[in-house]
Amino acid sequence: MAQALEKNAKDWYAKRSVQCLHTMFRMSKALALLPANKVIEGFEELVRQSRLSLNVEVAERYILYFRNQWMERVGPENFSVHGMPRQTNNDQEIFHRHLNGIMNHPRPAI
């Protein structure tokens, strides 16, 4: 989920350009950490945050994308990782995170 959200933020060239949008993108990734029954409440806060953005068009497009893809199509009960011992289903991602931690640098010069 987080990777898909990051990709969409980069596609709109707005990830770090405006602080309100950056906060909104970070908040949307954090929704997966909430219990499924609290995600709607968290999403409503995300919508409120989007209204503070100086770039309302980008914020509204992102909210529409998140609502359609994650809230309706996938559903909070399917993307919430709250209480799970492993909060990813990607074993390769876990391996690389551990490897990068051991090497202290994500791309060592070999």
PDB file of N, CA and C in Angstrom:
ATOM      1  N   MET A   1       0.818  -1.184   0.000  1.00  0.00           N
ATOM      2  CA  MET A   1       0.000   0.000   0.000  1.00  0.00           C
ATOM      3  C   MET A   1       0.870   1.259   0.000  1.00  0.00           C
ATOM      4  N   ALA A   2       1.847   1.297   0.901  1.00  0.00           N
ATOM      5  CA  ALA A   2       2.693   2.490   1.010  1.00  0.00           C
ATOM      6  C   ALA A   2       3.417   2.776  -0.299  1.00  0.00           C
ATOM      7  N   GLN A   3       3.873   1.729  -0.986  1.00  0.00           N
ATOM      8  CA  GLN A   3       4.590   1.931  -2.245  1.00  0.00           C
ATOM      9  C   GLN A   3       3.665   2.504  -3.313  1.00  0.00           C
ATOM     10  N   ALA A   4       2.436   2.025  -3.370  1.00  0.00           N
ATOM     11  CA  ALA A   4       1.478   2.553  -4.344  1.00  0.00           C
ATOM     12  C   ALA A   4       1.157   4.012  -4.053  1.00  0.00           C
ATOM     13  N   LEU A   5       1.025   4.356  -2.784  1.00  0.00           N
ATOM     14  CA  LEU A   5       0.743   5.744  -2.417  1.00  0.00           C
ATOM     15  C   LEU A   5       1.915   6.650  -2.767  1.00  0.00           C
ATOM     16  N   GLU A   6       3.138   6.181  -2.506  1.00  0.00           N
ATOM     17  CA  GLU A   6       4.327   6.963  -2.856  1.00  0.00           C
ATOM     18  C   GLU A   6       4.400   7.193  -4.364  1.00  0.00           C
ATOM     19  N   LYS A   7       4.109   6.147  -5.136  1.00  0.00           N
ATOM     20  CA  LYS A   7       4.161   6.276  -6.592  1.00  0.00           C
ATOM     21  C   LYS A   7       3.175   7.332  -7.069  1.00  0.00           C
ATOM     22  N   ASN A   8       1.962   7.317  -6.542  1.00  0.00           N
ATOM     23  CA  ASN A   8       0.975   8.303  -6.958  1.00  0.00           C
ATOM     24  C   ASN A   8       1.377   9.710  -6.551  1.00  0.00           C
ATOM     25  N   ALA A   9       1.955   9.862  -5.389  1.00  0.00           N
ATOM     26  CA  ALA A   9       2.414  11.185  -4.949  1.00  0.00           C
ATOM     27  C   ALA A   9       3.495  11.702  -5.895  1.00  0.00           C
ATOM     28  N   LYS A  10       4.430  10.844  -6.275  1.00  0.00           N
ATOM     29  CA  LYS A  10       5.501  11.254  -7.190  1.00  0.00           C
ATOM     30  C   LYS A  10       4.947  11.573  -8.574  1.00  0.00           C
ATOM     31  N   ASP A  11       3.946  10.805  -9.010  1.00  0.00           N
ATOM     32  CA  ASP A  11       3.353  11.051 -10.321  1.00  0.00           C
ATOM     33  C   ASP A  11       2.757  12.452 -10.416  1.00  0.00           C
ATOM     34  N   TRP A  12       2.288  12.970  -9.305  1.00  0.00           N
ATOM     35  CA  TRP A  12       1.664  14.297  -9.311  1.00  0.00           C
ATOM     36  C   TRP A  12       2.660  15.393  -8.963  1.00  0.00           C
ATOM     37  N   TYR A  13       3.925  15.081  -8.832  1.00  0.00           N
ATOM     38  CA  TYR A  13       4.987  16.058  -8.570  1.00  0.00           C
ATOM     39  C   TYR A  13       4.705  16.948  -7.365  1.00  0.00           C
ATOM     40  N   ALA A  14       4.010  16.419  -6.389  1.00  0.00           N
ATOM     41  CA  ALA A  14       3.621  17.287  -5.282  1.00  0.00           C
ATOM     42  C   ALA A  14       4.044  16.755  -3.927  1.00  0.00           C
ATOM     43  N   LYS A  15       4.746  15.661  -3.917  1.00  0.00           N
ATOM     44  CA  LYS A  15       5.012  15.004  -2.641  1.00  0.00           C
ATOM     45  C   LYS A  15       5.641  15.932  -1.612  1.00  0.00           C
ATOM     46  N   ARG A  16       6.665  16.643  -1.967  1.00  0.00           N
ATOM     47  CA  ARG A  16       7.350  17.491  -0.999  1.00  0.00           C
ATOM     48  C   ARG A  16       7.266  18.985  -1.327  1.00  0.00           C
ATOM     49  N   SER A  17       6.536  19.331  -2.358  1.00  0.00           N
ATOM     50  CA  SER A  17       6.525  20.723  -2.780  1.00  0.00           C
ATOM     51  C   SER A  17       5.727  21.623  -1.843  1.00  0.00           C
ATOM     52  N   VAL A  18       4.706  21.112  -1.230  1.00  0.00           N
ATOM     53  CA  VAL A  18       3.869  21.886  -0.322  1.00  0.00           C
ATOM     54  C   VAL A  18       3.711  21.082   0.963  1.00  0.00           C
ATOM     55  N   GLN A  19       3.979  21.697   2.087  1.00  0.00           N
ATOM     56  CA  GLN A  19       3.962  20.983   3.364  1.00  0.00           C
ATOM     57  C   GLN A  19       2.611  20.319   3.646  1.00  0.00           C
ATOM     58  N   CYS A  20       1.500  20.986   3.343  1.00  0.00           N
ATOM     59  CA  CYS A  20       0.183  20.389   3.594  1.00  0.00           C
ATOM     60  C   CYS A  20       0.002  19.095   2.806  1.00  0.00           C
ATOM     61  N   LEU A  21       0.459  19.093   1.547  1.00  0.00           N
ATOM     62  CA  LEU A  21       0.338  17.883   0.732  1.00  0.00           C
ATOM     63  C   LEU A  21       1.246  16.782   1.256  1.00  0.00           C
ATOM     64  N   HIS A  22       2.442  17.146   1.646  1.00  0.00           N
ATOM     65  CA  HIS A  22       3.368  16.155   2.196  1.00  0.00           C
ATOM     66  C   HIS A  22       2.764  15.518   3.450  1.00  0.00           C
ATOM     67  N   THR A  23       2.190  16.329   4.313  1.00  0.00           N
ATOM     68  CA  THR A  23       1.541  15.813   5.525  1.00  0.00           C
ATOM     69  C   THR A  23       0.383  14.900   5.155  1.00  0.00           C
ATOM     70  N   MET A  24      -0.395  15.296   4.168  1.00  0.00           N
ATOM     71  CA  MET A  24      -1.538  14.498   3.738  1.00  0.00           C
ATOM     72  C   MET A  24      -1.088  13.138   3.202  1.00  0.00           C
ATOM     73  N   PHE A  25      -0.036  13.105   2.398  1.00  0.00           N
ATOM     74  CA  PHE A  25       0.458  11.837   1.865  1.00  0.00           C
ATOM     75  C   PHE A  25       0.955  10.932   2.997  1.00  0.00           C
ATOM     76  N   ARG A  26       1.653  11.511   3.959  1.00  0.00           N
ATOM     77  CA  ARG A  26       2.141  10.723   5.102  1.00  0.00           C
ATOM     78  C   ARG A  26       0.975  10.193   5.932  1.00  0.00           C
ATOM     79  N   MET A  27      -0.046  11.012   6.128  1.00  0.00           N
ATOM     80  CA  MET A  27      -1.217  10.576   6.888  1.00  0.00           C
ATOM     81  C   MET A  27      -1.910   9.407   6.192  1.00  0.00           C
ATOM     82  N   SER A  28      -1.993   9.460   4.870  1.00  0.00           N
ATOM     83  CA  SER A  28      -2.680   8.388   4.146  1.00  0.00           C
ATOM     84  C   SER A  28      -1.953   7.059   4.315  1.00  0.00           C
ATOM     85  N   LYS A  29      -0.622   7.091   4.357  1.00  0.00           N
ATOM     86  CA  LYS A  29       0.129   5.850   4.586  1.00  0.00           C
ATOM     87  C   LYS A  29      -0.113   5.325   5.996  1.00  0.00           C
ATOM     88  N   ALA A  30      -0.279   6.227   6.952  1.00  0.00           N
ATOM     89  CA  ALA A  30      -0.474   5.826   8.345  1.00  0.00           C
ATOM     90  C   ALA A  30      -1.848   5.212   8.588  1.00  0.00           C
ATOM     91  N   LEU A  31      -2.801   5.429   7.696  1.00  0.00           N
ATOM     92  CA  LEU A  31      -4.132   4.847   7.883  1.00  0.00           C
ATOM     93  C   LEU A  31      -4.074   3.325   7.987  1.00  0.00           C
ATOM     94  N   ALA A  32      -3.128   2.702   7.313  1.00  0.00           N
ATOM     95  CA  ALA A  32      -3.004   1.244   7.362  1.00  0.00           C
ATOM     96  C   ALA A  32      -2.625   0.746   8.751  1.00  0.00           C
ATOM     97  N   LEU A  33      -2.097   1.619   9.587  1.00  0.00           N
ATOM     98  CA  LEU A  33      -1.697   1.228  10.940  1.00  0.00           C
ATOM     99  C   LEU A  33      -2.854   1.289  11.931  1.00  0.00           C
ATOM    100  N   LEU A  34      -3.960   1.895  11.523  1.00  0.00           N
ATOM    101  CA  LEU A  34      -5.137   1.990  12.396  1.00  0.00           C
ATOM    102  C   LEU A  34      -5.934   0.695  12.357  1.00  0.00           C
ATOM    103  N   PRO A  35      -6.705   0.414  13.428  1.00  0.00           N
ATOM    104  CA  PRO A  35      -7.647  -0.709  13.346  1.00  0.00           C
ATOM    105  C   PRO A  35      -8.641  -0.437  12.211  1.00  0.00           C
ATOM    106  N   ALA A  36      -9.094  -1.470  11.544  1.00  0.00           N
ATOM    107  CA  ALA A  36      -9.985  -1.307  10.391  1.00  0.00           C
ATOM    108  C   ALA A  36     -11.212  -0.461  10.727  1.00  0.00           C
ATOM    109  N   ASN A  37     -11.734  -0.598  11.952  1.00  0.00           N
ATOM    110  CA  ASN A  37     -12.934   0.156  12.314  1.00  0.00           C
ATOM    111  C   ASN A  37     -12.646   1.632  12.605  1.00  0.00           C
ATOM    112  N   LYS A  38     -11.395   2.044  12.608  1.00  0.00           N
ATOM    113  CA  LYS A  38     -11.021   3.448  12.835  1.00  0.00           C
ATOM    114  C   LYS A  38     -10.515   4.128  11.558  1.00  0.00           C
ATOM    115  N   VAL A  39     -10.381   3.370  10.485  1.00  0.00           N
ATOM    116  CA  VAL A  39      -9.822   3.916   9.248  1.00  0.00           C
ATOM    117  C   VAL A  39     -10.727   4.999   8.662  1.00  0.00           C
ATOM    118  N   ILE A  40     -12.037   4.814   8.712  1.00  0.00           N
ATOM    119  CA  ILE A  40     -12.951   5.822   8.161  1.00  0.00           C
ATOM    120  C   ILE A  40     -12.778   7.146   8.897  1.00  0.00           C
ATOM    121  N   GLU A  41     -12.682   7.085  10.207  1.00  0.00           N
ATOM    122  CA  GLU A  41     -12.449   8.291  11.004  1.00  0.00           C
ATOM    123  C   GLU A  41     -11.121   8.951  10.605  1.00  0.00           C
ATOM    124  N   GLY A  42     -10.100   8.149  10.424  1.00  0.00           N
ATOM    125  CA  GLY A  42      -8.808   8.672   9.990  1.00  0.00           C
ATOM    126  C   GLY A  42      -8.879   9.275   8.595  1.00  0.00           C
ATOM    127  N   PHE A  43      -9.636   8.625   7.709  1.00  0.00           N
ATOM    128  CA  PHE A  43      -9.790   9.147   6.348  1.00  0.00           C
ATOM    129  C   PHE A  43     -10.508  10.493   6.359  1.00  0.00           C
ATOM    130  N   GLU A  44     -11.504  10.633   7.225  1.00  0.00           N
ATOM    131  CA  GLU A  44     -12.212  11.913   7.339  1.00  0.00           C
ATOM    132  C   GLU A  44     -11.255  13.024   7.767  1.00  0.00           C
ATOM    133  N   GLU A  45     -10.314  12.704   8.649  1.00  0.00           N
ATOM    134  CA  GLU A  45      -9.301  13.690   9.042  1.00  0.00           C
ATOM    135  C   GLU A  45      -8.388  14.014   7.860  1.00  0.00           C
ATOM    136  N   LEU A  46      -8.082  13.016   7.062  1.00  0.00           N
ATOM    137  CA  LEU A  46      -7.275  13.228   5.859  1.00  0.00           C
ATOM    138  C   LEU A  46      -7.984  14.189   4.901  1.00  0.00           C
ATOM    139  N   VAL A  47      -9.292  14.013   4.737  1.00  0.00           N
ATOM    140  CA  VAL A  47     -10.070  14.906   3.877  1.00  0.00           C
ATOM    141  C   VAL A  47     -10.028  16.331   4.430  1.00  0.00           C
ATOM    142  N   ARG A  48     -10.168  16.484   5.745  1.00  0.00           N
ATOM    143  CA  ARG A  48     -10.075  17.821   6.352  1.00  0.00           C
ATOM    144  C   ARG A  48      -8.699  18.438   6.080  1.00  0.00           C
ATOM    145  N   GLN A  49      -7.660  17.643   6.207  1.00  0.00           N
ATOM    146  CA  GLN A  49      -6.297  18.123   5.951  1.00  0.00           C
ATOM    147  C   GLN A  49      -6.149  18.564   4.496  1.00  0.00           C
ATOM    148  N   SER A  50      -6.781  17.845   3.588  1.00  0.00           N
ATOM    149  CA  SER A  50      -6.664  18.182   2.164  1.00  0.00           C
ATOM    150  C   SER A  50      -7.248  19.555   1.866  1.00  0.00           C
ATOM    151  N   ARG A  51      -8.224  19.966   2.635  1.00  0.00           N
ATOM    152  CA  ARG A  51      -8.848  21.278   2.420  1.00  0.00           C
ATOM    153  C   ARG A  51      -7.937  22.431   2.831  1.00  0.00           C
ATOM    154  N   LEU A  52      -6.876  22.126   3.588  1.00  0.00           N
ATOM    155  CA  LEU A  52      -5.921  23.152   4.009  1.00  0.00           C
ATOM    156  C   LEU A  52      -4.831  23.387   2.970  1.00  0.00           C
ATOM    157  N   SER A  53      -4.786  22.525   1.975  1.00  0.00           N
ATOM    158  CA  SER A  53      -3.716  22.578   0.982  1.00  0.00           C
ATOM    159  C   SER A  53      -3.815  23.826   0.116  1.00  0.00           C
ATOM    160  N   LEU A  54      -2.659  24.357  -0.244  1.00  0.00           N
ATOM    161  CA  LEU A  54      -2.612  25.475  -1.179  1.00  0.00           C
ATOM    162  C   LEU A  54      -2.864  24.998  -2.603  1.00  0.00           C
ATOM    163  N   ASN A  55      -2.615  23.717  -2.853  1.00  0.00           N
ATOM    164  CA  ASN A  55      -2.842  23.128  -4.167  1.00  0.00           C
ATOM    165  C   ASN A  55      -4.059  22.211  -4.067  1.00  0.00           C
ATOM    166  N   VAL A  56      -5.238  22.826  -4.025  1.00  0.00           N
ATOM    167  CA  VAL A  56      -6.480  22.093  -3.796  1.00  0.00           C
ATOM    168  C   VAL A  56      -6.736  21.065  -4.888  1.00  0.00           C
ATOM    169  N   GLU A  57      -6.389  21.383  -6.124  1.00  0.00           N
ATOM    170  CA  GLU A  57      -6.636  20.451  -7.229  1.00  0.00           C
ATOM    171  C   GLU A  57      -5.899  19.127  -7.020  1.00  0.00           C
ATOM    172  N   VAL A  58      -4.629  19.195  -6.675  1.00  0.00           N
ATOM    173  CA  VAL A  58      -3.848  17.975  -6.439  1.00  0.00           C
ATOM    174  C   VAL A  58      -4.391  17.243  -5.222  1.00  0.00           C
ATOM    175  N   ALA A  59      -4.707  17.965  -4.167  1.00  0.00           N
ATOM    176  CA  ALA A  59      -5.236  17.342  -2.950  1.00  0.00           C
ATOM    177  C   ALA A  59      -6.545  16.616  -3.241  1.00  0.00           C
ATOM    178  N   GLU A  60      -7.432  17.239  -3.994  1.00  0.00           N
ATOM    179  CA  GLU A  60      -8.716  16.608  -4.322  1.00  0.00           C
ATOM    180  C   GLU A  60      -8.528  15.378  -5.201  1.00  0.00           C
ATOM    181  N   ARG A  61      -7.602  15.452  -6.151  1.00  0.00           N
ATOM    182  CA  ARG A  61      -7.326  14.277  -6.994  1.00  0.00           C
ATOM    183  C   ARG A  61      -6.806  13.117  -6.152  1.00  0.00           C
ATOM    184  N   TYR A  62      -5.926  13.441  -5.209  1.00  0.00           N
ATOM    185  CA  TYR A  62      -5.369  12.392  -4.355  1.00  0.00           C
ATOM    186  C   TYR A  62      -6.450  11.784  -3.464  1.00  0.00           C
ATOM    187  N   ILE A  63      -7.309  12.621  -2.893  1.00  0.00           N
ATOM    188  CA  ILE A  63      -8.407  12.125  -2.054  1.00  0.00           C
ATOM    189  C   ILE A  63      -9.326  11.229  -2.878  1.00  0.00           C
ATOM    190  N   LEU A  64      -9.643  11.642  -4.090  1.00  0.00           N
ATOM    191  CA  LEU A  64     -10.490  10.833  -4.968  1.00  0.00           C
ATOM    192  C   LEU A  64      -9.828   9.487  -5.264  1.00  0.00           C
ATOM    193  N   TYR A  65      -8.528   9.512  -5.589  1.00  0.00           N
ATOM    194  CA  TYR A  65      -7.790   8.265  -5.823  1.00  0.00           C
ATOM    195  C   TYR A  65      -7.834   7.376  -4.582  1.00  0.00           C
ATOM    196  N   PHE A  66      -7.532   7.944  -3.411  1.00  0.00           N
ATOM    197  CA  PHE A  66      -7.481   7.138  -2.195  1.00  0.00           C
ATOM    198  C   PHE A  66      -8.853   6.557  -1.871  1.00  0.00           C
ATOM    199  N   ARG A  67      -9.887   7.382  -2.003  1.00  0.00           N
ATOM    200  CA  ARG A  67     -11.245   6.900  -1.719  1.00  0.00           C
ATOM    201  C   ARG A  67     -11.611   5.757  -2.662  1.00  0.00           C
ATOM    202  N   ASN A  68     -11.412   5.955  -3.970  1.00  0.00           N
ATOM    203  CA  ASN A  68     -11.807   4.931  -4.945  1.00  0.00           C
ATOM    204  C   ASN A  68     -10.988   3.652  -4.814  1.00  0.00           C
ATOM    205  N   GLN A  69      -9.675   3.791  -4.740  1.00  0.00           N
ATOM    206  CA  GLN A  69      -8.803   2.618  -4.730  1.00  0.00           C
ATOM    207  C   GLN A  69      -8.767   1.916  -3.383  1.00  0.00           C
ATOM    208  N   TRP A  70      -8.511   2.664  -2.323  1.00  0.00           N
ATOM    209  CA  TRP A  70      -8.232   2.037  -1.035  1.00  0.00           C
ATOM    210  C   TRP A  70      -9.459   1.909  -0.139  1.00  0.00           C
ATOM    211  N   MET A  71     -10.309   2.901  -0.087  1.00  0.00           N
ATOM    212  CA  MET A  71     -11.470   2.831   0.797  1.00  0.00           C
ATOM    213  C   MET A  71     -12.577   1.959   0.198  1.00  0.00           C
ATOM    214  N   GLU A  72     -12.808   2.078  -1.114  1.00  0.00           N
ATOM    215  CA  GLU A  72     -13.916   1.351  -1.732  1.00  0.00           C
ATOM    216  C   GLU A  72     -13.486   0.032  -2.377  1.00  0.00           C
ATOM    217  N   ARG A  73     -12.477   0.071  -3.229  1.00  0.00           N
ATOM    218  CA  ARG A  73     -12.077  -1.137  -3.959  1.00  0.00           C
ATOM    219  C   ARG A  73     -11.394  -2.159  -3.044  1.00  0.00           C
ATOM    220  N   VAL A  74     -10.399  -1.738  -2.282  1.00  0.00           N
ATOM    221  CA  VAL A  74      -9.659  -2.650  -1.402  1.00  0.00           C
ATOM    222  C   VAL A  74     -10.377  -2.815  -0.070  1.00  0.00           C
ATOM    223  N   GLY A  75     -10.761  -1.712   0.549  1.00  0.00           N
ATOM    224  CA  GLY A  75     -11.473  -1.743   1.829  1.00  0.00           C
ATOM    225  C   GLY A  75     -10.538  -1.755   3.025  1.00  0.00           C
ATOM    226  N   PRO A  76     -10.894  -0.985   4.071  1.00  0.00           N
ATOM    227  CA  PRO A  76     -10.047  -0.899   5.266  1.00  0.00           C
ATOM    228  C   PRO A  76      -9.743  -2.249   5.909  1.00  0.00           C
ATOM    229  N   GLU A  77     -10.699  -3.157   5.877  1.00  0.00           N
ATOM    230  CA  GLU A  77     -10.476  -4.464   6.500  1.00  0.00           C
ATOM    231  C   GLU A  77      -9.390  -5.262   5.780  1.00  0.00           C
ATOM    232  N   ASN A  78      -9.106  -4.911   4.528  1.00  0.00           N
ATOM    233  CA  ASN A  78      -8.078  -5.614   3.762  1.00  0.00           C
ATOM    234  C   ASN A  78      -6.721  -4.923   3.769  1.00  0.00           C
ATOM    235  N   PHE A  79      -6.668  -3.614   4.023  1.00  0.00           N
ATOM    236  CA  PHE A  79      -5.355  -2.955   4.039  1.00  0.00           C
ATOM    237  C   PHE A  79      -4.864  -2.610   5.437  1.00  0.00           C
ATOM    238  N   SER A  80      -5.718  -2.723   6.434  1.00  0.00           N
ATOM    239  CA  SER A  80      -5.270  -2.444   7.804  1.00  0.00           C
ATOM    240  C   SER A  80      -4.332  -3.554   8.274  1.00  0.00           C
ATOM    241  N   VAL A  81      -3.186  -3.159   8.806  1.00  0.00           N
ATOM    242  CA  VAL A  81      -2.220  -4.122   9.332  1.00  0.00           C
ATOM    243  C   VAL A  81      -2.130  -4.015  10.851  1.00  0.00           C
ATOM    244  N   HIS A  82      -3.087  -3.319  11.453  1.00  0.00           N
ATOM    245  CA  HIS A  82      -3.095  -3.116  12.902  1.00  0.00           C
ATOM    246  C   HIS A  82      -3.088  -4.462  13.631  1.00  0.00           C
ATOM    247  N   GLY A  83      -2.193  -4.595  14.569  1.00  0.00           N
ATOM    248  CA  GLY A  83      -2.126  -5.797  15.395  1.00  0.00           C
ATOM    249  C   GLY A  83      -1.438  -6.983  14.746  1.00  0.00           C
ATOM    250  N   MET A  84      -1.025  -6.854  13.513  1.00  0.00           N
ATOM    251  CA  MET A  84      -0.341  -7.964  12.843  1.00  0.00           C
ATOM    252  C   MET A  84       1.133  -7.961  13.225  1.00  0.00           C
ATOM    253  N   PRO A  85       1.692  -9.124  13.520  1.00  0.00           N
ATOM    254  CA  PRO A  85       3.116  -9.162  13.870  1.00  0.00           C
ATOM    255  C   PRO A  85       4.007  -8.744  12.698  1.00  0.00           C
ATOM    256  N   ARG A  86       3.607  -9.098  11.491  1.00  0.00           N
ATOM    257  CA  ARG A  86       4.317  -8.672  10.277  1.00  0.00           C
ATOM    258  C   ARG A  86       3.388  -7.731   9.541  1.00  0.00           C
ATOM    259  N   GLN A  87       3.836  -6.511   9.361  1.00  0.00           N
ATOM    260  CA  GLN A  87       2.961  -5.527   8.743  1.00  0.00           C
ATOM    261  C   GLN A  87       3.222  -5.370   7.248  1.00  0.00           C
ATOM    262  N   THR A  88       3.774  -6.385   6.658  1.00  0.00           N
ATOM    263  CA  THR A  88       3.941  -6.436   5.213  1.00  0.00           C
ATOM    264  C   THR A  88       3.788  -7.893   4.790  1.00  0.00           C
ATOM    265  N   ASN A  89       3.354  -8.104   3.578  1.00  0.00           N
ATOM    266  CA  ASN A  89       3.268  -9.472   3.066  1.00  0.00           C
ATOM    267  C   ASN A  89       4.356  -9.714   2.025  1.00  0.00           C
ATOM    268  N   ASN A  90       5.342  -8.857   2.007  1.00  0.00           N
ATOM    269  CA  ASN A  90       6.381  -8.958   1.004  1.00  0.00           C
ATOM    270  C   ASN A  90       7.685  -9.409   1.663  1.00  0.00           C
ATOM    271  N   ASP A  91       7.990 -10.697   1.565  1.00  0.00           N
ATOM    272  CA  ASP A  91       9.194 -11.244   2.197  1.00  0.00           C
ATOM    273  C   ASP A  91      10.477 -10.619   1.650  1.00  0.00           C
ATOM    274  N   GLN A  92      10.496 -10.310   0.386  1.00  0.00           N
ATOM    275  CA  GLN A  92      11.681  -9.684  -0.204  1.00  0.00           C
ATOM    276  C   GLN A  92      11.905  -8.296   0.396  1.00  0.00           C
ATOM    277  N   GLU A  93      10.832  -7.558   0.620  1.00  0.00           N
ATOM    278  CA  GLU A  93      10.937  -6.235   1.242  1.00  0.00           C
ATOM    279  C   GLU A  93      11.531  -6.348   2.644  1.00  0.00           C
ATOM    280  N   ILE A  94      11.105  -7.335   3.393  1.00  0.00           N
ATOM    281  CA  ILE A  94      11.640  -7.556   4.741  1.00  0.00           C
ATOM    282  C   ILE A  94      13.129  -7.896   4.658  1.00  0.00           C
ATOM    283  N   PHE A  95      13.486  -8.784   3.739  1.00  0.00           N
ATOM    284  CA  PHE A  95      14.882  -9.172   3.574  1.00  0.00           C
ATOM    285  C   PHE A  95      15.757  -7.953   3.274  1.00  0.00           C
ATOM    286  N   HIS A  96      15.312  -7.120   2.339  1.00  0.00           N
ATOM    287  CA  HIS A  96      16.104  -5.944   1.974  1.00  0.00           C
ATOM    288  C   HIS A  96      16.199  -4.940   3.122  1.00  0.00           C
ATOM    289  N   ARG A  97      15.136  -4.794   3.889  1.00  0.00           N
ATOM    290  CA  ARG A  97      15.188  -3.884   5.032  1.00  0.00           C
ATOM    291  C   ARG A  97      16.230  -4.362   6.033  1.00  0.00           C
ATOM    292  N   HIS A  98      16.257  -5.662   6.317  1.00  0.00           N
ATOM    293  CA  HIS A  98      17.247  -6.213   7.247  1.00  0.00           C
ATOM    294  C   HIS A  98      18.663  -6.108   6.668  1.00  0.00           C
ATOM    295  N   LEU A  99      18.809  -6.403   5.394  1.00  0.00           N
ATOM    296  CA  LEU A  99      20.116  -6.317   4.749  1.00  0.00           C
ATOM    297  C   LEU A  99      20.645  -4.881   4.774  1.00  0.00           C
ATOM    298  N   ASN A 100      19.788  -3.924   4.454  1.00  0.00           N
ATOM    299  CA  ASN A 100      20.203  -2.517   4.494  1.00  0.00           C
ATOM    300  C   ASN A 100      20.579  -2.093   5.906  1.00  0.00           C
ATOM    301  N   GLY A 101      19.901  -2.616   6.905  1.00  0.00           N
ATOM    302  CA  GLY A 101      20.238  -2.306   8.292  1.00  0.00           C
ATOM    303  C   GLY A 101      21.603  -2.841   8.674  1.00  0.00           C
ATOM    304  N   ILE A 102      21.933  -4.015   8.194  1.00  0.00           N
ATOM    305  CA  ILE A 102      23.235  -4.618   8.485  1.00  0.00           C
ATOM    306  C   ILE A 102      24.348  -3.848   7.779  1.00  0.00           C
ATOM    307  N   MET A 103      24.096  -3.427   6.554  1.00  0.00           N
ATOM    308  CA  MET A 103      25.120  -2.759   5.750  1.00  0.00           C
ATOM    309  C   MET A 103      25.224  -1.265   6.062  1.00  0.00           C
ATOM    310  N   ASN A 104      24.285  -0.713   6.797  1.00  0.00           N
ATOM    311  CA  ASN A 104      24.266   0.705   7.162  1.00  0.00           C
ATOM    312  C   ASN A 104      24.194   1.652   5.972  1.00  0.00           C
ATOM    313  N   HIS A 105      23.884   1.144   4.806  1.00  0.00           N
ATOM    314  CA  HIS A 105      23.765   1.999   3.628  1.00  0.00           C
ATOM    315  C   HIS A 105      22.948   1.235   2.594  1.00  0.00           C
ATOM    316  N   PRO A 106      21.930   1.859   1.999  1.00  0.00           N
ATOM    317  CA  PRO A 106      21.085   1.121   1.057  1.00  0.00           C
ATOM    318  C   PRO A 106      21.764   0.732  -0.249  1.00  0.00           C
ATOM    319  N   ARG A 107      22.795   1.471  -0.673  1.00  0.00           N
ATOM    320  CA  ARG A 107      23.477   1.156  -1.933  1.00  0.00           C
ATOM    321  C   ARG A 107      24.987   1.257  -1.740  1.00  0.00           C
ATOM    322  N   PRO A 108      25.580   0.239  -1.164  1.00  0.00           N
ATOM    323  CA  PRO A 108      27.030   0.315  -0.934  1.00  0.00           C
ATOM    324  C   PRO A 108      27.804   0.247  -2.246  1.00  0.00           C
ATOM    325  N   ALA A 109      28.940   0.905  -2.282  1.00  0.00           N
ATOM    326  CA  ALA A 109      29.815   0.841  -3.455  1.00  0.00           C
ATOM    327  C   ALA A 109      30.590  -0.469  -3.380  1.00  0.00           C
ATOM    328  N   ILE A 110      30.329  -1.350  -4.307  1.00  0.00           N
ATOM    329  CA  ILE A 110      30.983  -2.666  -4.287  1.00  0.00           C
ATOM    330  C   ILE A 110      32.072  -2.695  -5.325  1.00  0.00           C
TER     331      ILE A 110
END
